[in-house]
Amino acid sequence: MPEIKRRTPTGAAVLRPDLTDSIIEAVLDELAEKGYQSLSMDAVARRAGVGKSALYRRWPSKLEMTVSTFVRLSVPLTSIPDTGSFRGDLRKVLDEILAWLGHPRHGRIFTDLLGAARTNPELARALTEDIAAPRRELGMEVLDRAVARGEVPAEVNRELALDVFAAPVFWRLHARREVVTAEYLDEVADLMVKAFT
């Protein structure tokens, strides 16, 4: 049977990655400067130098655009390296959280989205299901390894542990507006090890 040659799709069927990247940068800039409540597809299109149709080919709504864009830049969905100890793994987790929450643009956007989610159930659901849940699974891997090594009891309250992983960094950065140092993260890791082992 002769091989069928397929024509490369053109026009609306092709989403140019370089254009998508440009739009994503525009979304993030708008979110950082104006916040979610004031974000508009028109403003993003103007900033990116594209027509609104370029946005709607990628996302059906402002909510989908925001969440899809932010998920790409959230705490990376890569496994935390196995350092051989619960403390070592935990310290890597804290570094990842700080790198993201401490980023001038990402941290500002995240806190704004949390505020907007209080009165927007769809945004709240998206933050919980699309951003938080997959990253909590990575935290579960850290706990599973610690349990398997015998460092953490099998009956540890995993949901509480995962809450505690991120809370000190978030609180110090965004509630107290204090610098998070390596020494601070070392102390947090030591405290968590004592609490959960």
N, C-alpha and C. Protein backbone atom coordinates (compact mmCIF):
# COMPACT_ATOMS: atom_id res chain seq x y z
N MET A 1 0.85 -1.19 0.00
CA MET A 1 0.00 0.00 0.00
C MET A 1 0.89 1.24 0.00
N PRO A 2 0.66 2.19 -0.88
CA PRO A 2 1.52 3.37 -0.94
C PRO A 2 1.33 4.24 0.31
N GLU A 3 2.43 4.86 0.71
CA GLU A 3 2.39 5.72 1.89
C GLU A 3 1.61 6.99 1.56
N ILE A 4 0.72 7.36 2.46
CA ILE A 4 -0.08 8.57 2.25
C ILE A 4 0.68 9.76 2.84
N LYS A 5 0.95 10.74 2.02
CA LYS A 5 1.63 11.93 2.50
C LYS A 5 0.58 12.91 3.03
N ARG A 6 0.81 13.31 4.25
CA ARG A 6 -0.13 14.25 4.87
C ARG A 6 0.41 15.67 4.74
N ARG A 7 -0.49 16.57 4.37
CA ARG A 7 -0.12 17.97 4.25
C ARG A 7 -0.06 18.60 5.62
N THR A 8 0.96 19.38 5.88
CA THR A 8 1.07 20.10 7.14
C THR A 8 -0.06 21.12 7.23
N PRO A 9 -0.81 21.11 8.35
CA PRO A 9 -1.92 22.05 8.47
C PRO A 9 -1.42 23.50 8.46
N THR A 10 -2.25 24.37 7.95
CA THR A 10 -1.91 25.79 7.90
C THR A 10 -3.04 26.60 8.49
N GLY A 11 -2.82 27.89 8.57
CA GLY A 11 -3.87 28.80 9.03
C GLY A 11 -4.19 28.59 10.49
N ALA A 12 -5.48 28.57 10.82
CA ALA A 12 -5.92 28.50 12.20
C ALA A 12 -5.53 27.20 12.88
N ALA A 13 -5.23 26.17 12.11
CA ALA A 13 -4.90 24.89 12.71
C ALA A 13 -3.51 24.87 13.32
N VAL A 14 -2.67 25.83 12.96
CA VAL A 14 -1.30 25.86 13.46
C VAL A 14 -1.16 26.96 14.51
N LEU A 15 -0.69 26.58 15.69
CA LEU A 15 -0.43 27.56 16.74
C LEU A 15 1.08 27.74 16.84
N ARG A 16 1.55 28.88 16.46
CA ARG A 16 2.99 29.13 16.47
C ARG A 16 3.50 29.24 17.90
N PRO A 17 4.46 28.39 18.26
CA PRO A 17 5.00 28.43 19.63
C PRO A 17 5.60 29.79 20.00
N ASP A 18 6.27 30.44 19.04
CA ASP A 18 6.88 31.74 19.35
C ASP A 18 5.81 32.78 19.67
N LEU A 19 4.67 32.70 18.97
CA LEU A 19 3.58 33.62 19.23
C LEU A 19 2.93 33.31 20.58
N THR A 20 2.77 32.01 20.86
CA THR A 20 2.22 31.61 22.16
C THR A 20 3.10 32.12 23.29
N ASP A 21 4.41 32.00 23.14
CA ASP A 21 5.33 32.49 24.17
C ASP A 21 5.19 33.99 24.37
N SER A 22 5.02 34.72 23.29
CA SER A 22 4.85 36.17 23.36
C SER A 22 3.54 36.52 24.09
N ILE A 23 2.50 35.77 23.80
CA ILE A 23 1.21 36.01 24.45
C ILE A 23 1.32 35.70 25.95
N ILE A 24 1.99 34.61 26.28
CA ILE A 24 2.15 34.23 27.68
C ILE A 24 2.87 35.33 28.46
N GLU A 25 3.91 35.88 27.87
CA GLU A 25 4.62 36.97 28.53
C GLU A 25 3.69 38.17 28.74
N ALA A 26 2.84 38.44 27.76
CA ALA A 26 1.89 39.55 27.88
C ALA A 26 0.88 39.28 29.00
N VAL A 27 0.41 38.04 29.08
CA VAL A 27 -0.55 37.67 30.15
C VAL A 27 0.10 37.90 31.50
N LEU A 28 1.32 37.42 31.67
CA LEU A 28 2.01 37.55 32.95
C LEU A 28 2.28 39.01 33.31
N ASP A 29 2.67 39.80 32.32
CA ASP A 29 2.90 41.22 32.57
C ASP A 29 1.61 41.91 33.01
N GLU A 30 0.52 41.60 32.33
CA GLU A 30 -0.77 42.20 32.69
C GLU A 30 -1.19 41.77 34.09
N LEU A 31 -1.04 40.48 34.40
CA LEU A 31 -1.40 39.99 35.73
C LEU A 31 -0.57 40.66 36.81
N ALA A 32 0.73 40.78 36.56
CA ALA A 32 1.62 41.38 37.56
C ALA A 32 1.33 42.85 37.77
N GLU A 33 0.98 43.56 36.70
CA GLU A 33 0.75 45.00 36.80
C GLU A 33 -0.66 45.36 37.26
N LYS A 34 -1.67 44.61 36.76
CA LYS A 34 -3.05 45.02 37.00
C LYS A 34 -3.86 44.04 37.85
N GLY A 35 -3.40 42.80 37.95
CA GLY A 35 -4.14 41.81 38.73
C GLY A 35 -5.21 41.12 37.90
N TYR A 36 -5.71 40.03 38.43
CA TYR A 36 -6.68 39.22 37.70
C TYR A 36 -7.98 39.95 37.44
N GLN A 37 -8.46 40.69 38.43
CA GLN A 37 -9.77 41.35 38.29
C GLN A 37 -9.77 42.33 37.12
N SER A 38 -8.64 42.99 36.88
CA SER A 38 -8.57 43.99 35.81
C SER A 38 -8.02 43.42 34.50
N LEU A 39 -7.66 42.15 34.50
CA LEU A 39 -7.12 41.53 33.29
C LEU A 39 -8.20 41.45 32.21
N SER A 40 -7.83 41.76 30.98
CA SER A 40 -8.78 41.62 29.87
C SER A 40 -8.07 41.01 28.67
N MET A 41 -8.84 40.30 27.87
CA MET A 41 -8.29 39.72 26.65
C MET A 41 -7.81 40.84 25.72
N ASP A 42 -8.54 41.95 25.68
CA ASP A 42 -8.15 43.08 24.83
C ASP A 42 -6.77 43.60 25.20
N ALA A 43 -6.55 43.78 26.50
CA ALA A 43 -5.27 44.32 26.96
C ALA A 43 -4.13 43.36 26.65
N VAL A 44 -4.36 42.07 26.84
CA VAL A 44 -3.32 41.07 26.54
C VAL A 44 -3.00 41.09 25.06
N ALA A 45 -4.03 41.13 24.23
CA ALA A 45 -3.83 41.14 22.77
C ALA A 45 -3.03 42.38 22.35
N ARG A 46 -3.38 43.53 22.91
CA ARG A 46 -2.66 44.76 22.57
C ARG A 46 -1.18 44.66 22.98
N ARG A 47 -0.95 44.18 24.19
CA ARG A 47 0.42 44.08 24.69
C ARG A 47 1.24 43.10 23.86
N ALA A 48 0.61 42.00 23.45
CA ALA A 48 1.31 40.97 22.67
C ALA A 48 1.43 41.34 21.19
N GLY A 49 0.65 42.36 20.77
CA GLY A 49 0.68 42.76 19.38
C GLY A 49 -0.02 41.77 18.46
N VAL A 50 -1.11 41.18 18.97
CA VAL A 50 -1.87 40.21 18.18
C VAL A 50 -3.35 40.56 18.23
N GLY A 51 -4.12 39.91 17.37
CA GLY A 51 -5.57 40.06 17.43
C GLY A 51 -6.13 39.17 18.52
N LYS A 52 -7.34 39.50 18.99
CA LYS A 52 -7.94 38.68 20.04
C LYS A 52 -8.16 37.25 19.59
N SER A 53 -8.34 37.06 18.29
CA SER A 53 -8.57 35.70 17.79
C SER A 53 -7.38 34.79 18.10
N ALA A 54 -6.18 35.35 18.15
CA ALA A 54 -4.99 34.55 18.49
C ALA A 54 -5.09 34.01 19.92
N LEU A 55 -5.71 34.79 20.80
CA LEU A 55 -5.92 34.34 22.18
C LEU A 55 -7.00 33.27 22.24
N TYR A 56 -8.12 33.53 21.55
CA TYR A 56 -9.24 32.60 21.62
C TYR A 56 -8.96 31.27 20.93
N ARG A 57 -7.99 31.25 20.02
CA ARG A 57 -7.60 29.96 19.43
C ARG A 57 -6.87 29.10 20.46
N ARG A 58 -6.30 29.75 21.46
CA ARG A 58 -5.55 29.03 22.47
C ARG A 58 -6.36 28.76 23.73
N TRP A 59 -7.18 29.72 24.13
CA TRP A 59 -7.95 29.61 25.37
C TRP A 59 -9.35 30.17 25.15
N PRO A 60 -10.37 29.48 25.67
CA PRO A 60 -11.73 29.97 25.46
C PRO A 60 -12.15 31.14 26.36
N SER A 61 -11.36 31.40 27.41
CA SER A 61 -11.78 32.45 28.34
C SER A 61 -10.57 33.02 29.08
N LYS A 62 -10.82 34.11 29.76
CA LYS A 62 -9.79 34.75 30.59
C LYS A 62 -9.30 33.78 31.67
N LEU A 63 -10.25 33.06 32.27
CA LEU A 63 -9.88 32.11 33.33
C LEU A 63 -8.94 31.03 32.79
N GLU A 64 -9.32 30.42 31.66
CA GLU A 64 -8.49 29.36 31.08
C GLU A 64 -7.12 29.91 30.68
N MET A 65 -7.10 31.09 30.14
CA MET A 65 -5.83 31.71 29.74
C MET A 65 -4.94 31.92 30.96
N THR A 66 -5.51 32.44 32.03
CA THR A 66 -4.74 32.72 33.24
C THR A 66 -4.18 31.45 33.86
N VAL A 67 -5.05 30.47 34.03
CA VAL A 67 -4.62 29.23 34.70
C VAL A 67 -3.60 28.48 33.85
N SER A 68 -3.87 28.36 32.56
CA SER A 68 -2.95 27.66 31.66
C SER A 68 -1.58 28.32 31.66
N THR A 69 -1.58 29.63 31.62
CA THR A 69 -0.32 30.38 31.63
C THR A 69 0.41 30.21 32.95
N PHE A 70 -0.33 30.32 34.03
CA PHE A 70 0.32 30.27 35.34
C PHE A 70 0.80 28.87 35.69
N VAL A 71 0.08 27.84 35.25
CA VAL A 71 0.50 26.47 35.50
C VAL A 71 1.89 26.22 34.91
N ARG A 72 2.15 26.79 33.75
CA ARG A 72 3.46 26.60 33.11
C ARG A 72 4.59 27.13 33.96
N LEU A 73 4.30 28.16 34.76
CA LEU A 73 5.36 28.81 35.52
C LEU A 73 5.28 28.52 37.01
N SER A 74 4.38 27.63 37.40
CA SER A 74 4.25 27.30 38.80
C SER A 74 5.40 26.40 39.23
N VAL A 75 5.40 25.99 40.49
CA VAL A 75 6.45 25.10 40.99
C VAL A 75 6.57 23.94 40.03
N PRO A 76 7.76 23.68 39.49
CA PRO A 76 7.91 22.70 38.42
C PRO A 76 7.37 21.32 38.79
N LEU A 77 6.75 20.69 37.79
CA LEU A 77 6.23 19.34 38.00
C LEU A 77 7.32 18.31 37.72
N THR A 78 8.40 18.41 38.44
CA THR A 78 9.47 17.43 38.31
C THR A 78 9.70 16.84 39.69
N SER A 79 10.03 15.58 39.73
CA SER A 79 10.24 14.93 41.01
C SER A 79 11.38 15.58 41.77
N ILE A 80 11.22 15.66 43.08
CA ILE A 80 12.30 16.15 43.94
C ILE A 80 13.36 15.06 44.00
N PRO A 81 14.61 15.40 43.74
CA PRO A 81 15.65 14.37 43.76
C PRO A 81 15.73 13.67 45.11
N ASP A 82 16.01 12.39 45.07
CA ASP A 82 16.16 11.61 46.30
C ASP A 82 17.56 11.87 46.86
N THR A 83 17.62 12.62 47.94
CA THR A 83 18.91 12.97 48.54
C THR A 83 19.39 11.91 49.51
N GLY A 84 18.51 10.95 49.80
CA GLY A 84 18.88 9.89 50.75
C GLY A 84 18.36 10.12 52.15
N SER A 85 17.76 11.30 52.39
CA SER A 85 17.20 11.57 53.72
C SER A 85 15.98 12.46 53.61
N PHE A 86 15.10 12.34 54.61
CA PHE A 86 13.91 13.19 54.65
C PHE A 86 14.32 14.65 54.73
N ARG A 87 15.30 14.97 55.57
CA ARG A 87 15.71 16.36 55.70
C ARG A 87 16.27 16.91 54.39
N GLY A 88 17.08 16.11 53.73
CA GLY A 88 17.66 16.55 52.46
C GLY A 88 16.59 16.79 51.41
N ASP A 89 15.63 15.86 51.32
CA ASP A 89 14.53 16.02 50.36
C ASP A 89 13.69 17.25 50.70
N LEU A 90 13.42 17.39 51.98
CA LEU A 90 12.60 18.52 52.44
C LEU A 90 13.29 19.84 52.13
N ARG A 91 14.59 19.88 52.32
CA ARG A 91 15.34 21.11 52.05
C ARG A 91 15.26 21.47 50.56
N LYS A 92 15.27 20.45 49.69
CA LYS A 92 15.12 20.69 48.24
C LYS A 92 13.72 21.24 47.95
N VAL A 93 12.72 20.68 48.61
CA VAL A 93 11.35 21.18 48.44
C VAL A 93 11.27 22.65 48.82
N LEU A 94 11.85 23.01 49.94
CA LEU A 94 11.81 24.40 50.40
C LEU A 94 12.52 25.33 49.41
N ASP A 95 13.63 24.87 48.85
CA ASP A 95 14.33 25.67 47.83
C ASP A 95 13.44 25.92 46.62
N GLU A 96 12.73 24.88 46.16
CA GLU A 96 11.84 25.02 45.00
C GLU A 96 10.71 26.01 45.29
N ILE A 97 10.14 25.89 46.48
CA ILE A 97 9.04 26.79 46.86
C ILE A 97 9.53 28.23 46.92
N LEU A 98 10.70 28.43 47.52
CA LEU A 98 11.25 29.79 47.61
C LEU A 98 11.55 30.36 46.22
N ALA A 99 12.13 29.55 45.36
CA ALA A 99 12.48 30.04 44.02
C ALA A 99 11.25 30.55 43.29
N TRP A 100 10.12 29.90 43.53
CA TRP A 100 8.90 30.29 42.84
C TRP A 100 8.18 31.44 43.55
N LEU A 101 7.91 31.27 44.85
CA LEU A 101 7.19 32.31 45.58
C LEU A 101 8.02 33.59 45.73
N GLY A 102 9.34 33.45 45.68
CA GLY A 102 10.19 34.62 45.82
C GLY A 102 10.46 35.35 44.52
N HIS A 103 10.00 34.77 43.41
CA HIS A 103 10.18 35.43 42.12
C HIS A 103 9.32 36.69 42.10
N PRO A 104 9.91 37.83 41.69
CA PRO A 104 9.16 39.09 41.79
C PRO A 104 7.82 39.09 41.06
N ARG A 105 7.76 38.45 39.90
CA ARG A 105 6.51 38.45 39.13
C ARG A 105 5.60 37.32 39.58
N HIS A 106 6.12 36.11 39.70
CA HIS A 106 5.28 34.95 40.01
C HIS A 106 4.64 35.06 41.40
N GLY A 107 5.43 35.49 42.38
CA GLY A 107 4.89 35.62 43.74
C GLY A 107 3.77 36.64 43.80
N ARG A 108 3.94 37.76 43.10
CA ARG A 108 2.91 38.80 43.08
C ARG A 108 1.63 38.28 42.42
N ILE A 109 1.79 37.58 41.31
CA ILE A 109 0.62 37.05 40.61
C ILE A 109 -0.10 36.03 41.47
N PHE A 110 0.65 35.14 42.11
CA PHE A 110 0.04 34.09 42.91
C PHE A 110 -0.78 34.67 44.06
N THR A 111 -0.23 35.63 44.78
CA THR A 111 -0.98 36.20 45.89
C THR A 111 -2.23 36.94 45.40
N ASP A 112 -2.12 37.58 44.23
CA ASP A 112 -3.29 38.24 43.65
C ASP A 112 -4.36 37.22 43.29
N LEU A 113 -3.94 36.10 42.69
CA LEU A 113 -4.92 35.08 42.30
C LEU A 113 -5.59 34.47 43.53
N LEU A 114 -4.83 34.29 44.61
CA LEU A 114 -5.44 33.77 45.84
C LEU A 114 -6.52 34.72 46.35
N GLY A 115 -6.24 36.01 46.29
CA GLY A 115 -7.24 36.99 46.72
C GLY A 115 -8.47 36.98 45.83
N ALA A 116 -8.26 36.93 44.52
CA ALA A 116 -9.38 36.92 43.57
C ALA A 116 -10.21 35.65 43.71
N ALA A 117 -9.56 34.55 44.07
CA ALA A 117 -10.26 33.26 44.18
C ALA A 117 -11.27 33.24 45.33
N ARG A 118 -11.12 34.15 46.28
CA ARG A 118 -12.07 34.18 47.41
C ARG A 118 -13.48 34.48 46.94
N THR A 119 -13.61 35.23 45.85
CA THR A 119 -14.94 35.57 45.35
C THR A 119 -15.20 34.99 43.96
N ASN A 120 -14.31 34.11 43.51
CA ASN A 120 -14.46 33.51 42.19
C ASN A 120 -14.31 32.00 42.31
N PRO A 121 -15.41 31.26 42.47
CA PRO A 121 -15.33 29.82 42.69
C PRO A 121 -14.61 29.06 41.56
N GLU A 122 -14.79 29.52 40.32
CA GLU A 122 -14.12 28.83 39.20
C GLU A 122 -12.61 28.98 39.29
N LEU A 123 -12.17 30.17 39.64
CA LEU A 123 -10.73 30.40 39.80
C LEU A 123 -10.21 29.61 40.99
N ALA A 124 -10.96 29.59 42.07
CA ALA A 124 -10.56 28.82 43.26
C ALA A 124 -10.40 27.34 42.91
N ARG A 125 -11.36 26.81 42.17
CA ARG A 125 -11.28 25.40 41.77
C ARG A 125 -10.05 25.15 40.91
N ALA A 126 -9.79 26.06 39.98
CA ALA A 126 -8.65 25.90 39.09
C ALA A 126 -7.33 25.95 39.87
N LEU A 127 -7.22 26.88 40.81
CA LEU A 127 -6.00 26.96 41.61
C LEU A 127 -5.79 25.68 42.42
N THR A 128 -6.87 25.15 42.96
CA THR A 128 -6.77 23.93 43.77
C THR A 128 -6.46 22.71 42.91
N GLU A 129 -7.22 22.53 41.84
CA GLU A 129 -7.10 21.30 41.05
C GLU A 129 -5.94 21.33 40.05
N ASP A 130 -5.71 22.46 39.41
CA ASP A 130 -4.72 22.51 38.34
C ASP A 130 -3.33 22.93 38.80
N ILE A 131 -3.26 23.69 39.88
CA ILE A 131 -1.96 24.15 40.35
C ILE A 131 -1.54 23.44 41.63
N ALA A 132 -2.39 23.46 42.65
CA ALA A 132 -1.98 22.90 43.94
C ALA A 132 -1.92 21.36 43.94
N ALA A 133 -2.96 20.71 43.44
CA ALA A 133 -3.03 19.24 43.56
C ALA A 133 -1.85 18.51 42.92
N PRO A 134 -1.47 18.82 41.68
CA PRO A 134 -0.34 18.10 41.10
C PRO A 134 0.96 18.31 41.86
N ARG A 135 1.13 19.47 42.45
CA ARG A 135 2.35 19.75 43.17
C ARG A 135 2.34 19.12 44.55
N ARG A 136 1.16 18.95 45.12
CA ARG A 136 1.08 18.22 46.39
C ARG A 136 1.43 16.75 46.18
N GLU A 137 1.15 16.25 45.00
CA GLU A 137 1.55 14.86 44.70
C GLU A 137 3.06 14.70 44.79
N LEU A 138 3.81 15.71 44.37
CA LEU A 138 5.27 15.66 44.48
C LEU A 138 5.69 15.64 45.95
N GLY A 139 4.99 16.39 46.76
CA GLY A 139 5.26 16.36 48.20
C GLY A 139 4.97 14.99 48.79
N MET A 140 3.92 14.35 48.27
CA MET A 140 3.60 12.99 48.73
C MET A 140 4.75 12.03 48.44
N GLU A 141 5.41 12.22 47.30
CA GLU A 141 6.56 11.36 46.96
C GLU A 141 7.65 11.50 48.01
N VAL A 142 7.90 12.72 48.45
CA VAL A 142 8.91 12.96 49.48
C VAL A 142 8.52 12.23 50.77
N LEU A 143 7.24 12.33 51.15
CA LEU A 143 6.77 11.64 52.36
C LEU A 143 6.84 10.13 52.19
N ASP A 144 6.45 9.63 51.01
CA ASP A 144 6.51 8.18 50.77
C ASP A 144 7.93 7.65 50.93
N ARG A 145 8.89 8.39 50.40
CA ARG A 145 10.29 7.96 50.53
C ARG A 145 10.72 7.95 51.99
N ALA A 146 10.31 8.98 52.73
CA ALA A 146 10.69 9.06 54.14
C ALA A 146 10.07 7.91 54.93
N VAL A 147 8.84 7.57 54.61
CA VAL A 147 8.18 6.43 55.28
C VAL A 147 8.90 5.14 54.92
N ALA A 148 9.23 4.97 53.64
CA ALA A 148 9.92 3.75 53.20
C ALA A 148 11.28 3.60 53.86
N ARG A 149 11.96 4.71 54.14
CA ARG A 149 13.26 4.66 54.81
C ARG A 149 13.13 4.44 56.32
N GLY A 150 11.90 4.57 56.83
CA GLY A 150 11.69 4.44 58.26
C GLY A 150 11.94 5.72 59.03
N GLU A 151 12.04 6.85 58.30
CA GLU A 151 12.31 8.13 58.97
C GLU A 151 11.04 8.79 59.49
N VAL A 152 9.94 8.52 58.83
CA VAL A 152 8.65 9.13 59.19
C VAL A 152 7.65 8.00 59.41
N PRO A 153 6.84 8.07 60.49
CA PRO A 153 5.86 7.02 60.73
C PRO A 153 4.83 6.93 59.59
N ALA A 154 4.40 5.73 59.28
CA ALA A 154 3.45 5.51 58.18
C ALA A 154 2.14 6.25 58.43
N GLU A 155 1.80 6.45 59.70
CA GLU A 155 0.50 7.08 60.02
C GLU A 155 0.59 8.61 60.07
N VAL A 156 1.69 9.18 59.60
CA VAL A 156 1.82 10.63 59.60
C VAL A 156 0.64 11.27 58.86
N ASN A 157 0.19 12.39 59.38
CA ASN A 157 -0.90 13.13 58.73
C ASN A 157 -0.32 13.83 57.50
N ARG A 158 -0.50 13.21 56.35
CA ARG A 158 0.14 13.69 55.13
C ARG A 158 -0.40 15.04 54.67
N GLU A 159 -1.68 15.24 54.78
CA GLU A 159 -2.25 16.52 54.36
C GLU A 159 -1.71 17.66 55.21
N LEU A 160 -1.60 17.42 56.51
CA LEU A 160 -1.05 18.45 57.39
C LEU A 160 0.42 18.70 57.04
N ALA A 161 1.17 17.63 56.82
CA ALA A 161 2.58 17.78 56.47
C ALA A 161 2.75 18.62 55.21
N LEU A 162 1.94 18.35 54.20
CA LEU A 162 2.05 19.10 52.95
C LEU A 162 1.70 20.57 53.14
N ASP A 163 0.72 20.85 53.99
CA ASP A 163 0.39 22.25 54.30
C ASP A 163 1.59 22.95 54.93
N VAL A 164 2.25 22.23 55.83
CA VAL A 164 3.36 22.81 56.57
C VAL A 164 4.59 23.02 55.69
N PHE A 165 4.75 22.22 54.65
CA PHE A 165 5.91 22.38 53.76
C PHE A 165 6.00 23.81 53.21
N ALA A 166 4.90 24.31 52.70
CA ALA A 166 4.93 25.60 52.01
C ALA A 166 4.61 26.79 52.91
N ALA A 167 3.89 26.55 53.99
CA ALA A 167 3.37 27.65 54.80
C ALA A 167 4.42 28.63 55.32
N PRO A 168 5.54 28.16 55.90
CA PRO A 168 6.49 29.14 56.45
C PRO A 168 7.08 30.07 55.40
N VAL A 169 7.38 29.53 54.23
CA VAL A 169 7.97 30.35 53.17
C VAL A 169 6.95 31.38 52.70
N PHE A 170 5.73 30.93 52.45
CA PHE A 170 4.69 31.85 51.99
C PHE A 170 4.44 32.94 53.02
N TRP A 171 4.29 32.55 54.28
CA TRP A 171 3.97 33.52 55.33
C TRP A 171 5.08 34.55 55.50
N ARG A 172 6.32 34.07 55.53
CA ARG A 172 7.44 35.00 55.73
C ARG A 172 7.57 35.98 54.56
N LEU A 173 7.42 35.47 53.35
CA LEU A 173 7.57 36.32 52.16
C LEU A 173 6.41 37.28 51.97
N HIS A 174 5.20 36.74 52.02
CA HIS A 174 4.05 37.52 51.56
C HIS A 174 3.17 38.09 52.66
N ALA A 175 3.28 37.57 53.87
CA ALA A 175 2.52 38.17 54.97
C ALA A 175 3.41 39.10 55.78
N ARG A 176 4.62 38.61 56.12
CA ARG A 176 5.54 39.43 56.91
C ARG A 176 6.45 40.29 56.04
N ARG A 177 6.58 39.95 54.76
CA ARG A 177 7.45 40.65 53.82
C ARG A 177 8.89 40.73 54.32
N GLU A 178 9.37 39.57 54.75
CA GLU A 178 10.74 39.43 55.24
C GLU A 178 11.55 38.61 54.24
N VAL A 179 12.84 38.75 54.29
CA VAL A 179 13.73 37.98 53.43
C VAL A 179 13.80 36.54 53.94
N VAL A 180 13.78 35.60 53.02
CA VAL A 180 13.96 34.18 53.38
C VAL A 180 15.38 33.79 53.02
N THR A 181 16.16 33.50 54.04
CA THR A 181 17.56 33.14 53.83
C THR A 181 17.74 31.63 53.85
N ALA A 182 18.92 31.18 53.41
CA ALA A 182 19.24 29.75 53.47
C ALA A 182 19.22 29.27 54.92
N GLU A 183 19.68 30.13 55.82
CA GLU A 183 19.69 29.76 57.24
C GLU A 183 18.27 29.56 57.77
N TYR A 184 17.37 30.43 57.33
CA TYR A 184 15.97 30.30 57.74
C TYR A 184 15.40 28.97 57.24
N LEU A 185 15.68 28.62 55.98
CA LEU A 185 15.17 27.37 55.43
C LEU A 185 15.79 26.16 56.14
N ASP A 186 17.04 26.27 56.55
CA ASP A 186 17.67 25.19 57.32
C ASP A 186 16.92 24.98 58.63
N GLU A 187 16.59 26.09 59.30
CA GLU A 187 15.88 26.00 60.57
C GLU A 187 14.48 25.42 60.38
N VAL A 188 13.81 25.84 59.30
CA VAL A 188 12.48 25.30 59.00
C VAL A 188 12.57 23.80 58.76
N ALA A 189 13.55 23.36 57.96
CA ALA A 189 13.71 21.93 57.68
C ALA A 189 13.98 21.16 58.97
N ASP A 190 14.84 21.69 59.83
CA ASP A 190 15.13 21.00 61.10
C ASP A 190 13.88 20.88 61.97
N LEU A 191 13.11 21.95 62.00
CA LEU A 191 11.88 21.95 62.80
C LEU A 191 10.89 20.93 62.26
N MET A 192 10.74 20.86 60.94
CA MET A 192 9.80 19.91 60.34
C MET A 192 10.25 18.47 60.57
N VAL A 193 11.53 18.23 60.48
CA VAL A 193 12.03 16.88 60.74
C VAL A 193 11.68 16.46 62.16
N LYS A 194 11.88 17.36 63.12
CA LYS A 194 11.52 17.04 64.51
C LYS A 194 10.02 16.79 64.65
N ALA A 195 9.24 17.61 63.96
CA ALA A 195 7.78 17.49 64.10
C ALA A 195 7.24 16.20 63.50
N PHE A 196 7.80 15.78 62.36
CA PHE A 196 7.19 14.65 61.65
C PHE A 196 7.91 13.32 61.83
N THR A 197 9.07 13.36 62.48
CA THR A 197 9.75 12.08 62.74
C THR A 197 9.67 11.71 64.21
